[in-house]
Structures are given as C-alpha cells and as structure tokens.
Amino acid sequence: MSEPPPLPEAVEVQLGKIDRADLLVGIPSYNNARTIGHVVRATAAGLTKYFPGAKAVIVNSDGDSTDGTQEIVAQAELSDLATILVSQPTTPIARIVTPYHGIPGKGSAFRTIFQIADRLEVGACAVVDSDLRSIRPEWLELLLRPILEGHFDYVAPLYWRHKFDGTITNSIVYPVTRALYGKRIRQPIGGEFGFSRSLASAFLTKPVWETDVARFGIDIWMTTTAIAGGFRVCQAYLGAKLHDAKDPGGDLTAMMTQVVGSCFDLIESYASIWFGRRGSQGVPLFGFPHAVGVEDIQVNVERMISIFGQGLGDLEELLGKILPPRLMDALREAAAAPSSAFRIADPIWAETVYRFALAHHRKVLPRDHLLRLLIPLYLGRTASFVLEMWEASPEEAEARIEKLALVFEETKPLFETEWNGGDSND
C-alpha cells in the first residue's frame, strides 16, 4: 500500500485547530463556480438544521480550478443561515479548501477527503457533487443519519430519474453489480454517498490510488468495495437529481471506457467474493420514495439503430472474437428487423455483457479497444428499451429494468463456467 501524499501545510494547520469533528461533508470540484456556491450553502443549511449540536466540517477538494471555484467556497456566507432555520447551531461549521494531489481526477479528490475524515476521527461522512442544481438541505440528513444512528457504513443514493436517463447504469452497471455481489443497490454510480470513518480508512488502504480509479470510476469502486468488504450498506431516496441530461445515443466513449471499464476491473479484483454467490437481496431504504418532476430527455432512436447495424457489420471480425456465433446470429437478426419491431432480448443482452467481461478477463483485445466495441451493441440495446417503453409509465419502465436484472442473475452460472475456463463459445 502506498502512503497518501502529505496534506498541504495550510490544511495541517486547520486540522490542528479543529482537532476532531463529528461530521464531514466533502465536495470535490473542478471549475464549478456556477453551481458550487449553491451546493455549499445547501450543505451548510442541512448540517445546521438537522445536526445543530454537531461539530461539522465542509471540505472542498479542488482540482486546480481556474474559474474562481475555490474563492467562492471560501467566501460563502454560512453564518446567516441560522436566521432562516428553527435551530441555532451550537457549533460553527468549519470549512477547508484544499487542492488535491496525485493523478488528476475525482478519485484523487476523494482520497484527500478520506484522509481528512480519518485524521479528524469523524463519526460520519458524505460526499456531494459540486455541479448539483437539485441538492436540498434534507439530503444531508438522509446521507449522514443512517451512519450516525443506524450503524450503517455506506449510504448509496436513490434518485427519481427520467425513464431514459442513466441507461448505462440501467442496462449494464446495475444488473451486473446486483447479479455478482448480491445487493440491490439501484444506482451504484450516483455521485452522492454517505460513509463511516472506518470505511473511509479502509478505502485508503486499497492499492488503487495510482491507477485509473484515481482518474475515474471512483463511484462504482466505492460501492463495490463496500459490498465486497462486508460493510453494512443501505440506500437513501433523494428525489430528483438535476444535471445536464444527454441523449443516450450521444458520445459514449469516455463513459463506456471509464465506468464499464472500472466495473470489469472490479470483477477481476473481487472474483473470490462474487464467485458462487446466487440471487440478490434488497437493502434498507431511508427516505420516502415519491414521484417528482424531471427534465425531459430527447432520444434519437433511429441514429442508435443505425450505429448498431453499421457497427455490427464493420466490426464483425473483432466481435466474433468475443461473442459466439449464436449471439452474433441473434444480433444480426435484430439488425435486419424493421425499426418499429427492433428488439434485443434480455438473455441475448445479458450474455453479451458477460462475454465482454470474459474477454476483458482473458485480455482478448486491448482494454479501450474492447470497450469501444461494446458501444454500438449498447446503443442497440438502448434503442430496444426505448422502443419497448415509449408509452410506459416510469413505474413500468422501472419494473422492466428489474426484469432485466433477474435475467443477469439467471445467466450468471454460465459466466462462472466460462470464467473457470469452460468452453461453450458456439
């Protein structure tokens, strides 16, 4: 295990003055001047309202922003919040603005936050994104109280999302995580999390901080590490998460190589944990799920189907190194159907994803090249889902995703046989 880099001297001075704290909220940032003031004020309001007797610290771990992000955090007025809240805070909220060190990326920012949480011996921690437009003070209670009073180690977020938002999570990350590790964490890459100091300390011991985890993939890494490590996990319903929603058929190269690549890396790291595990269990939920307004998402189905068909033809030789002939035949059959009848069945998709994970395990192709090959197939599956769910309610779309996750669980034994060197590539 490599030792974490030393914290800046100014931060050490602040830590010496604070000594210990009850709560810590980390806000990683990079050029988020437009939104971070709102995030800091909402965070402070939540800490003041729901934990008025606690000694709380807000840590902004910044990646060398050039737009004034750090100055906005340092200048944010926190003391006047008490005038609009019922409870007067008994302890002022401290704030630490620090650059993070190491490989540029969100993971390095988190490492700094984990270090400070460990040093201050906090009772509970949370991290929130710096570009949130929908954060509310009650998010802090939902992320922190299960740690403080419920003896949980990890709180994953649960959001109400548009039925065509988060399609990589819905079609790959959630069903794979659920099937392999046995916990139904619905949004394992949500961005906002609560965690205990013991889990923060465990994160620091992992030999990942000089790898791609430090650049990206930190969210799925945290969730998987918490589950695989046997820590107590739960979910908190936060309502809507407003962000810059995109067409699911837009540029996906970075998202696929980063998030799905990290997911496949974790399958490798935790094979001894997931192998032989069957079924899945729900986890406790805090908060009251209810429908909320979400921003509409424009979906170009024809473009996705076109990319799928072209990719299937242009990349046939390479895909044939990953997928058995019967899967290739099923995908060709889908491509040949008229757009209105275009479908990729759940068993075909589940096995396709598992076959790519196996190809990653066997190093059939260079990692980034392999993951790029998955993009047209993923777009085809997304188009299939959109067409099937076009008139569906959000609840019906969610039930459809749960059905897919069950198919991933049912297909897992085949994946395990292949992982152990079996050969059914026909």
Protein backbone atom coordinates (compact mmCIF):
# COMPACT_ATOMS: atom_id res chain seq x y z
CA MET A 1 0.00 0.00 0.00
CA SER A 2 1.39 3.40 -0.99
CA GLU A 3 1.26 6.11 1.64
CA PRO A 4 -1.12 9.00 0.87
CA PRO A 5 0.68 12.20 -0.16
CA PRO A 6 1.11 14.70 2.66
CA LEU A 7 -1.63 17.28 3.02
CA PRO A 8 -0.75 20.92 2.36
CA GLU A 9 0.77 22.73 5.33
CA ALA A 10 -2.14 25.18 5.50
CA VAL A 11 -4.57 22.26 5.76
CA GLU A 12 -2.48 20.68 8.51
CA VAL A 13 -2.73 23.93 10.45
CA GLN A 14 -6.51 23.95 10.07
CA LEU A 15 -6.76 20.31 11.13
CA GLY A 16 -4.70 21.07 14.22
CA LYS A 17 -7.13 23.82 15.17
CA ILE A 18 -10.20 21.67 14.55
CA ASP A 19 -8.67 18.61 16.29
CA ARG A 20 -11.72 16.36 15.98
CA ALA A 21 -15.14 16.59 14.32
CA ASP A 22 -18.45 14.77 14.35
CA LEU A 23 -19.41 15.19 10.70
CA LEU A 24 -17.60 15.84 7.44
CA VAL A 25 -19.01 16.63 4.01
CA GLY A 26 -16.64 16.55 1.05
CA ILE A 27 -17.28 18.46 -2.17
CA PRO A 28 -14.84 17.58 -4.97
CA SER A 29 -14.72 20.25 -7.64
CA TYR A 30 -13.15 21.42 -10.87
CA ASN A 31 -14.29 24.68 -12.46
CA ASN A 32 -17.73 24.63 -10.84
CA ALA A 33 -18.03 28.32 -10.00
CA ARG A 34 -21.54 28.48 -11.44
CA THR A 35 -23.02 25.92 -9.04
CA ILE A 36 -20.72 25.32 -6.09
CA GLY A 37 -21.95 28.28 -4.05
CA HIS A 38 -25.43 26.79 -4.01
CA VAL A 39 -24.05 23.36 -3.09
CA VAL A 40 -22.01 24.75 -0.17
CA ARG A 41 -24.94 26.79 1.17
CA ALA A 42 -27.37 23.87 0.91
CA THR A 43 -24.83 21.61 2.63
CA ALA A 44 -24.32 24.09 5.46
CA ALA A 45 -28.07 24.56 5.82
CA GLY A 46 -28.58 20.81 6.10
CA LEU A 47 -25.85 20.41 8.70
CA THR A 48 -27.20 23.34 10.70
CA LYS A 49 -30.83 22.25 10.58
CA TYR A 50 -30.50 18.50 11.13
CA PHE A 51 -27.35 18.30 13.27
CA PRO A 52 -27.34 21.55 15.27
CA GLY A 53 -25.17 20.20 18.07
CA ALA A 54 -22.57 18.56 15.88
CA LYS A 55 -19.09 19.83 15.11
CA ALA A 56 -19.16 19.79 11.31
CA VAL A 57 -16.56 20.36 8.61
CA ILE A 58 -17.05 21.05 4.90
CA VAL A 59 -14.07 20.05 2.76
CA ASN A 60 -13.76 21.37 -0.77
CA SER A 61 -11.18 19.21 -2.57
CA ASP A 62 -10.45 21.13 -5.74
CA GLY A 63 -8.60 20.09 -8.89
CA ASP A 64 -6.85 23.40 -9.57
CA SER A 65 -9.90 25.28 -10.83
CA THR A 66 -9.25 28.46 -12.81
CA ASP A 67 -12.76 29.96 -12.68
CA GLY A 68 -12.83 31.08 -9.05
CA THR A 69 -14.39 27.91 -7.60
CA GLN A 70 -12.17 27.87 -4.50
CA GLU A 71 -12.72 31.57 -3.84
CA ILE A 72 -16.50 31.09 -3.95
CA VAL A 73 -16.28 28.32 -1.36
CA ALA A 74 -14.01 30.37 0.88
CA GLN A 75 -16.29 33.41 0.68
CA ALA A 76 -19.64 31.62 1.00
CA GLU A 77 -21.68 33.15 3.80
CA LEU A 78 -22.68 30.39 6.18
CA SER A 79 -23.38 32.19 9.44
CA ASP A 80 -26.55 33.96 8.26
CA LEU A 81 -28.30 30.64 7.61
CA ALA A 82 -29.31 30.45 11.26
CA THR A 83 -31.75 33.33 10.72
CA ILE A 84 -33.97 31.19 8.47
CA LEU A 85 -33.78 27.98 10.48
CA VAL A 86 -35.50 26.95 13.67
CA SER A 87 -32.37 25.72 15.45
CA GLN A 88 -29.40 27.94 16.17
CA PRO A 89 -26.23 25.88 15.58
CA THR A 90 -24.27 25.34 18.77
CA THR A 91 -21.00 24.84 16.90
CA PRO A 92 -19.94 26.83 13.83
CA ILE A 93 -19.29 24.89 10.64
CA ALA A 94 -15.63 24.77 9.66
CA ARG A 95 -14.57 24.68 6.04
CA ILE A 96 -11.37 23.50 4.42
CA VAL A 97 -10.47 24.42 0.85
CA THR A 98 -7.60 22.31 -0.41
CA PRO A 99 -6.09 21.25 -3.72
CA TYR A 100 -5.87 17.51 -4.14
CA HIS A 101 -2.66 15.81 -5.15
CA GLY A 102 -1.82 12.84 -7.34
CA ILE A 103 -3.33 11.71 -10.61
CA PRO A 104 -5.87 14.31 -11.80
CA GLY A 105 -9.41 13.10 -11.32
CA LYS A 106 -12.32 12.70 -8.95
CA GLY A 107 -10.74 9.73 -7.19
CA SER A 108 -7.74 11.77 -6.08
CA ALA A 109 -10.11 14.40 -4.70
CA PHE A 110 -11.88 11.69 -2.72
CA ARG A 111 -8.59 10.40 -1.36
CA THR A 112 -7.91 13.80 0.18
CA ILE A 113 -11.40 13.82 1.70
CA PHE A 114 -10.85 10.33 3.13
CA GLN A 115 -7.54 11.43 4.65
CA ILE A 116 -9.09 14.41 6.38
CA ALA A 117 -12.03 12.33 7.65
CA ASP A 118 -9.63 9.80 9.10
CA ARG A 119 -7.49 12.48 10.74
CA LEU A 120 -10.47 14.22 12.34
CA GLU A 121 -11.92 10.91 13.57
CA VAL A 122 -15.36 11.91 12.34
CA GLY A 123 -18.50 9.98 13.16
CA ALA A 124 -19.99 10.14 9.69
CA CYS A 125 -19.01 11.47 6.26
CA ALA A 126 -20.72 12.31 2.99
CA VAL A 127 -19.67 13.50 -0.44
CA VAL A 128 -21.81 15.51 -2.84
CA ASP A 129 -21.15 16.63 -6.40
CA SER A 130 -20.24 20.27 -6.96
CA ASP A 131 -22.43 20.73 -10.05
CA LEU A 132 -25.77 19.84 -8.45
CA ARG A 133 -28.75 22.06 -9.16
CA SER A 134 -31.21 20.00 -7.12
CA ILE A 135 -29.41 19.46 -3.80
CA ARG A 136 -31.60 20.23 -0.79
CA PRO A 137 -30.65 20.53 2.89
CA GLU A 138 -32.51 17.31 3.76
CA TRP A 139 -30.07 15.35 1.59
CA LEU A 140 -27.53 15.77 4.37
CA GLU A 141 -29.77 14.12 6.92
CA LEU A 142 -30.54 11.23 4.58
CA LEU A 143 -26.87 10.62 3.79
CA LEU A 144 -25.48 11.05 7.31
CA ARG A 145 -28.07 9.87 9.83
CA PRO A 146 -28.01 6.19 8.75
CA ILE A 147 -24.29 6.26 9.54
CA LEU A 148 -24.64 8.09 12.84
CA GLU A 149 -27.67 6.31 14.23
CA GLY A 150 -28.32 3.27 12.07
CA HIS A 151 -24.83 1.77 12.28
CA PHE A 152 -24.51 1.60 8.52
CA ASP A 153 -21.18 2.06 6.77
CA TYR A 154 -22.32 3.10 3.30
CA VAL A 155 -25.33 5.02 2.01
CA ALA A 156 -25.92 4.94 -1.74
CA PRO A 157 -28.29 7.45 -3.35
CA LEU A 158 -31.60 6.57 -4.93
CA TYR A 159 -32.95 9.13 -7.38
CA TRP A 160 -36.15 9.55 -9.32
CA ARG A 161 -34.92 9.73 -12.91
CA HIS A 162 -36.40 10.02 -16.36
CA LYS A 163 -37.10 6.55 -17.71
CA PHE A 164 -34.50 7.06 -20.46
CA ASP A 165 -31.83 8.59 -18.21
CA GLY A 166 -28.90 6.61 -16.81
CA THR A 167 -29.06 3.91 -19.45
CA ILE A 168 -25.52 2.60 -18.86
CA THR A 169 -26.44 2.14 -15.20
CA ASN A 170 -29.78 0.55 -16.08
CA SER A 171 -28.55 -1.87 -18.72
CA ILE A 172 -25.04 -2.75 -17.51
CA VAL A 173 -23.79 -1.44 -14.18
CA TYR A 174 -26.83 -2.11 -12.00
CA PRO A 175 -27.66 -5.61 -13.30
CA VAL A 176 -24.01 -6.70 -13.24
CA THR A 177 -23.38 -5.34 -9.72
CA ARG A 178 -26.60 -6.87 -8.42
CA ALA A 179 -26.05 -10.27 -10.02
CA LEU A 180 -22.42 -10.60 -8.98
CA TYR A 181 -22.37 -9.15 -5.47
CA GLY A 182 -25.92 -9.93 -4.39
CA LYS A 183 -27.08 -6.48 -3.23
CA ARG A 184 -29.75 -4.42 -4.97
CA ILE A 185 -28.03 -1.05 -4.96
CA ARG A 186 -30.10 0.57 -7.68
CA GLN A 187 -27.78 3.46 -8.57
CA PRO A 188 -24.24 2.40 -7.70
CA ILE A 189 -22.68 5.34 -9.57
CA GLY A 190 -24.99 8.05 -8.30
CA GLY A 191 -22.41 10.62 -7.15
CA GLU A 192 -23.66 11.36 -3.62
CA PHE A 193 -22.74 8.95 -0.83
CA GLY A 194 -22.58 8.66 2.93
CA PHE A 195 -19.92 6.54 4.62
CA SER A 196 -18.41 5.75 8.00
CA ARG A 197 -14.89 6.69 9.07
CA SER A 198 -14.00 3.00 9.25
CA LEU A 199 -14.96 2.62 5.59
CA ALA A 200 -13.03 5.78 4.67
CA SER A 201 -9.99 4.29 6.41
CA ALA A 202 -10.50 1.02 4.53
CA PHE A 203 -10.68 2.91 1.23
CA LEU A 204 -7.31 4.49 1.98
CA THR A 205 -5.65 1.08 2.36
CA LYS A 206 -6.59 -0.11 -1.13
CA PRO A 207 -3.80 -0.13 -3.75
CA VAL A 208 -5.74 1.80 -6.38
CA TRP A 209 -4.70 5.41 -5.96
CA GLU A 210 -2.09 5.40 -8.71
CA THR A 211 -4.43 3.62 -11.13
CA ASP A 212 -7.33 4.70 -13.32
CA VAL A 213 -9.62 4.64 -10.26
CA ALA A 214 -8.00 7.92 -9.30
CA ARG A 215 -8.96 9.40 -12.66
CA PHE A 216 -12.45 7.99 -12.91
CA GLY A 217 -14.57 5.07 -11.80
CA ILE A 218 -14.42 6.09 -8.13
CA ASP A 219 -18.21 5.85 -7.60
CA ILE A 220 -18.60 2.24 -8.75
CA TRP A 221 -15.34 1.37 -6.96
CA MET A 222 -16.64 2.73 -3.64
CA THR A 223 -19.96 0.90 -3.95
CA THR A 224 -18.41 -2.41 -4.95
CA THR A 225 -15.67 -2.18 -2.32
CA ALA A 226 -18.25 -1.52 0.40
CA ILE A 227 -20.37 -4.52 -0.63
CA ALA A 228 -17.46 -6.89 -1.25
CA GLY A 229 -15.84 -5.87 2.03
CA GLY A 230 -18.89 -6.92 4.02
CA PHE A 231 -19.75 -3.41 5.19
CA ARG A 232 -23.37 -2.60 6.02
CA VAL A 233 -24.97 -0.84 3.05
CA CYS A 234 -28.27 0.96 2.53
CA GLN A 235 -29.90 3.46 0.17
CA ALA A 236 -31.37 6.94 0.70
CA TYR A 237 -34.08 8.37 -1.51
CA LEU A 238 -33.02 11.87 -2.57
CA GLY A 239 -35.68 12.67 -5.16
CA ALA A 240 -34.59 14.22 -8.44
CA LYS A 241 -31.00 14.81 -9.41
CA LEU A 242 -30.90 17.66 -11.88
CA HIS A 243 -27.88 17.62 -14.12
CA ASP A 244 -27.15 18.12 -17.77
CA ALA A 245 -29.14 15.21 -19.15
CA LYS A 246 -27.98 13.94 -22.53
CA ASP A 247 -29.29 11.87 -25.37
CA PRO A 248 -28.39 8.23 -24.51
CA GLY A 249 -27.11 7.95 -28.07
CA GLY A 250 -24.61 10.79 -27.71
CA ASP A 251 -20.84 10.45 -27.40
CA LEU A 252 -20.31 7.49 -25.07
CA THR A 253 -16.65 6.63 -25.49
CA ALA A 254 -15.49 8.19 -22.22
CA MET A 255 -18.43 6.87 -20.18
CA MET A 256 -18.07 3.35 -21.55
CA THR A 257 -14.31 3.11 -21.11
CA GLN A 258 -14.36 4.71 -17.66
CA VAL A 259 -17.44 3.35 -15.89
CA VAL A 260 -17.89 -0.03 -17.57
CA GLY A 261 -14.12 -0.49 -17.68
CA SER A 262 -13.96 0.09 -13.92
CA CYS A 263 -16.85 -2.34 -13.44
CA PHE A 264 -14.92 -5.02 -15.36
CA ASP A 265 -11.73 -4.26 -13.42
CA LEU A 266 -13.64 -4.81 -10.17
CA ILE A 267 -14.98 -8.13 -11.40
CA GLU A 268 -11.35 -9.17 -11.72
CA SER A 269 -10.39 -7.87 -8.28
CA TYR A 270 -13.29 -9.45 -6.40
CA ALA A 271 -13.69 -12.78 -8.19
CA SER A 272 -13.27 -14.66 -4.90
CA ILE A 273 -16.21 -12.69 -3.47
CA TRP A 274 -18.78 -12.99 -6.25
CA PHE A 275 -17.98 -16.47 -7.49
CA GLY A 276 -20.68 -18.93 -6.41
CA ARG A 277 -22.96 -16.28 -4.94
CA ARG A 278 -26.57 -16.69 -6.06
CA GLY A 279 -29.57 -14.40 -6.04
CA SER A 280 -29.76 -10.91 -4.56
CA GLN A 281 -31.21 -9.13 -1.57
CA GLY A 282 -32.71 -5.70 -1.12
CA VAL A 283 -31.05 -3.24 1.22
CA PRO A 284 -32.70 -0.90 3.75
CA LEU A 285 -34.08 2.32 2.30
CA PHE A 286 -34.20 5.68 4.08
CA GLY A 287 -36.47 8.45 2.92
CA PHE A 288 -39.88 8.30 1.27
CA PRO A 289 -39.90 7.44 -2.46
CA HIS A 290 -42.28 9.61 -4.44
CA ALA A 291 -42.58 10.86 -8.00
CA VAL A 292 -41.02 14.23 -8.76
CA GLY A 293 -40.65 16.30 -11.88
CA VAL A 294 -37.63 15.50 -14.03
CA GLU A 295 -36.19 17.11 -17.12
CA ASP A 296 -37.18 15.60 -20.45
CA ILE A 297 -34.61 13.68 -22.49
CA GLN A 298 -34.55 13.71 -26.26
CA VAL A 299 -33.78 10.30 -27.74
CA ASN A 300 -32.73 9.68 -31.34
CA VAL A 301 -33.71 6.03 -31.75
CA GLU A 302 -33.07 5.87 -35.49
CA ARG A 303 -29.50 7.05 -35.01
CA MET A 304 -28.85 4.42 -32.34
CA ILE A 305 -30.23 1.63 -34.53
CA SER A 306 -28.14 2.87 -37.46
CA ILE A 307 -24.93 2.88 -35.39
CA PHE A 308 -25.77 -0.60 -34.09
CA GLY A 309 -26.27 -2.01 -37.58
CA GLN A 310 -23.19 -0.36 -39.03
CA GLY A 311 -21.04 -1.39 -36.08
CA LEU A 312 -22.25 -4.97 -36.29
CA GLY A 313 -21.22 -5.12 -39.93
CA ASP A 314 -17.97 -3.18 -39.80
CA LEU A 315 -16.70 -4.87 -36.64
CA GLU A 316 -17.92 -8.37 -37.32
CA GLU A 317 -14.48 -10.00 -37.30
CA LEU A 318 -13.49 -8.43 -33.97
CA LEU A 319 -16.88 -9.09 -32.39
CA GLY A 320 -16.52 -12.70 -33.45
CA LYS A 321 -13.52 -12.99 -31.13
CA ILE A 322 -15.77 -12.07 -28.20
CA LEU A 323 -19.26 -13.41 -29.00
CA PRO A 324 -20.18 -16.97 -30.03
CA PRO A 325 -21.88 -17.50 -33.43
CA ARG A 326 -25.37 -17.92 -31.90
CA LEU A 327 -25.13 -14.48 -30.26
CA MET A 328 -23.84 -12.92 -33.45
CA ASP A 329 -26.74 -14.51 -35.36
CA ALA A 330 -29.25 -13.13 -32.84
CA LEU A 331 -27.79 -9.62 -33.16
CA ARG A 332 -27.82 -9.82 -36.98
CA GLU A 333 -31.46 -10.90 -36.82
CA ALA A 334 -32.25 -7.85 -34.69
CA ALA A 335 -30.43 -5.56 -37.12
CA ALA A 336 -32.42 -6.95 -40.05
CA ALA A 337 -35.80 -6.20 -38.45
CA PRO A 338 -37.74 -3.02 -39.31
CA SER A 339 -37.15 -0.20 -36.85
CA SER A 340 -40.61 -0.44 -35.32
CA ALA A 341 -40.00 -4.12 -34.46
CA PHE A 342 -36.34 -3.73 -33.41
CA ARG A 343 -35.63 -5.71 -30.22
CA ILE A 344 -32.65 -7.24 -28.44
CA ALA A 345 -33.94 -9.80 -25.95
CA ASP A 346 -32.83 -9.78 -22.32
CA PRO A 347 -30.99 -13.16 -22.42
CA ILE A 348 -29.07 -12.06 -25.53
CA TRP A 349 -28.05 -8.79 -23.90
CA ALA A 350 -27.10 -10.34 -20.53
CA GLU A 351 -24.84 -12.91 -22.16
CA THR A 352 -23.34 -10.25 -24.45
CA VAL A 353 -22.28 -8.15 -21.45
CA TYR A 354 -20.88 -11.19 -19.66
CA ARG A 355 -18.95 -12.20 -22.79
CA PHE A 356 -17.33 -8.78 -22.90
CA ALA A 357 -16.40 -9.14 -19.22
CA LEU A 358 -14.84 -12.52 -20.06
CA ALA A 359 -12.93 -11.00 -22.99
CA HIS A 360 -11.64 -8.34 -20.60
CA HIS A 361 -10.60 -11.10 -18.17
CA ARG A 362 -8.80 -13.02 -20.93
CA LYS A 363 -7.28 -9.87 -22.49
CA VAL A 364 -8.65 -10.83 -25.89
CA LEU A 365 -8.14 -7.23 -27.07
CA PRO A 366 -6.61 -4.08 -25.60
CA ARG A 367 -8.93 -2.74 -22.88
CA ASP A 368 -10.06 0.51 -24.50
CA HIS A 369 -10.47 -1.15 -27.88
CA LEU A 370 -12.63 -3.86 -26.32
CA LEU A 371 -14.87 -1.36 -24.55
CA ARG A 372 -15.35 0.71 -27.69
CA LEU A 373 -16.61 -2.41 -29.45
CA LEU A 374 -19.38 -2.61 -26.86
CA ILE A 375 -20.71 0.88 -27.69
CA PRO A 376 -22.74 0.04 -30.85
CA LEU A 377 -24.20 -3.03 -29.15
CA TYR A 378 -25.13 -0.97 -26.10
CA LEU A 379 -26.81 1.59 -28.37
CA GLY A 380 -28.80 -1.20 -29.96
CA ARG A 381 -29.95 -2.46 -26.59
CA THR A 382 -30.84 1.09 -25.51
CA ALA A 383 -32.87 1.61 -28.68
CA SER A 384 -34.68 -1.65 -27.98
CA PHE A 385 -35.56 -0.49 -24.46
CA VAL A 386 -36.74 2.94 -25.63
CA LEU A 387 -39.00 1.46 -28.29
CA GLU A 388 -40.46 -1.05 -25.87
CA MET A 389 -41.03 1.54 -23.12
CA TRP A 390 -42.03 4.54 -25.26
CA GLU A 391 -45.58 4.66 -23.87
CA ALA A 392 -44.74 3.14 -20.50
CA SER A 393 -45.04 4.91 -17.17
CA PRO A 394 -41.90 5.45 -15.05
CA GLU A 395 -43.06 2.64 -12.77
CA GLU A 396 -43.48 0.26 -15.72
CA ALA A 397 -40.03 1.18 -17.05
CA GLU A 398 -38.52 0.52 -13.62
CA ALA A 399 -40.22 -2.89 -13.44
CA ARG A 400 -38.76 -3.64 -16.86
CA ILE A 401 -35.24 -2.88 -15.60
CA GLU A 402 -35.81 -5.16 -12.61
CA LYS A 403 -36.82 -7.94 -15.01
CA LEU A 404 -33.55 -7.48 -16.90
CA ALA A 405 -31.59 -7.65 -13.64
CA LEU A 406 -33.19 -11.02 -12.86
CA VAL A 407 -32.05 -12.33 -16.24
CA PHE A 408 -28.48 -11.28 -15.38
CA GLU A 409 -28.79 -13.29 -12.16
CA GLU A 410 -30.08 -16.31 -14.08
CA THR A 411 -27.25 -16.05 -16.64
CA LYS A 412 -24.51 -15.76 -14.03
CA PRO A 413 -23.80 -19.57 -13.79
CA LEU A 414 -22.83 -19.56 -17.47
CA PHE A 415 -20.49 -16.66 -16.80
CA GLU A 416 -18.89 -18.53 -13.90
CA THR A 417 -18.38 -21.66 -16.02
CA GLU A 418 -16.63 -19.61 -18.68
CA TRP A 419 -14.60 -17.69 -16.07
CA ASN A 420 -13.22 -21.00 -14.84
CA GLY A 421 -12.10 -21.95 -18.31
CA GLY A 422 -15.16 -23.72 -19.65
CA ASP A 423 -15.75 -23.54 -23.39
CA SER A 424 -19.25 -23.04 -24.68
CA ASN A 425 -18.27 -20.48 -27.32
CA ASP A 426 -20.50 -21.92 -30.02
